[in-house]
Amino acid sequence: MHGTYSDRDFELRRCDVCRFAFIANPWTDFGQIYDERYYAGHGADPLVDYDFELASPERTIRQYEWRGITRVVERLLGGLAGVSWLDFGCGNGGLVRFVRTHTPASACGFEEGSIAASAQDLGIPILSGEELAQRRSHFDVVTAIEVLEHTTDPVTELHRMRRLLRPGGLLFLTTGNAAPFSGKMLRWSYVVPEIHVSFFEPSTLEYAMRRAAFRPERVALDGGFDEILKFKVLKNLRIRRRNLVTDLIPASPLAAAADQRVRLSEHPVGWAS
């Protein structure tokens, strides 16, 4: 397939056994891919709006996603009091700031992209790679929101997340579900070969989690997952600003309709073994 942003050709492959699909010749100049243009929505993914989210967190539709993630994690853990939370690949640290503001959990992030410095300037705690390495078995929950599809070696990244969790800790991640698009991957809009290079069906993700010493579990992701899907629908409609109209849109029917097509709720969570 042809990458329109980079103007180069990419090869998409899939394993017939585990159903893992991947870009076989990924573009790995990450400094060029994830530059300032990317975070402003002028790079390979025109749907991102990280600069605005960082400057105006209360006005972005990302509020729905942050609130939904928080509710899902709270339900799965049975509460957030005393919880140590890491958002792995946190981007501009928006989820970290939301969790610290709206819950009793202690949250920090990890991000290697150029936007991390801007977030740190606003006081959002984002760890460096060296600091992260010192937090082995430290966290009760790790979130990885739209992260795994960007990685060229996802099992290694899952191992890295597992080392950061206490035994019994929770990994909650989101990534596209390739199963509904089996046989038509080249027409799946989620396949943006410059940045999205790894694609999972639910059984594929379960297999990868087991290899990384997680116990995968498929759970009913009610109590918040509808708001995560509401955000994704609005984002794909290129709506970026939260307003009275978007607030009034009911999340549950919108999410149910969207999930019939994309089936994101079928992906497992992971428990640290």
Foldseek 3Di string as FASTA:
>chain_A
DAFPQVRDDWDWDADPPLGKIFTPDADPPVCVQQDPCVQCLNHLHNLHHNVCCLVCVPWWLCVLQLQLVVQLVCVVVVHAAAFEEEEEQCRLLSSQVVCVVPGNHHYAYEHDGPNPVVSVVVVGHYDYPVVQVVQFQPGQEYEYEQNQQQDPDNLVVLLSVLRNHHAFHKYHYFDFACVLCVPPVVPDPSCNRNGGTIHHHQSSLCVSNVSSQWHWDQDQRPRRVLSSQLSVVCSVVVNTTDDPVSVPPDSVVSSVVVCVRGVRSRHTMTTHD
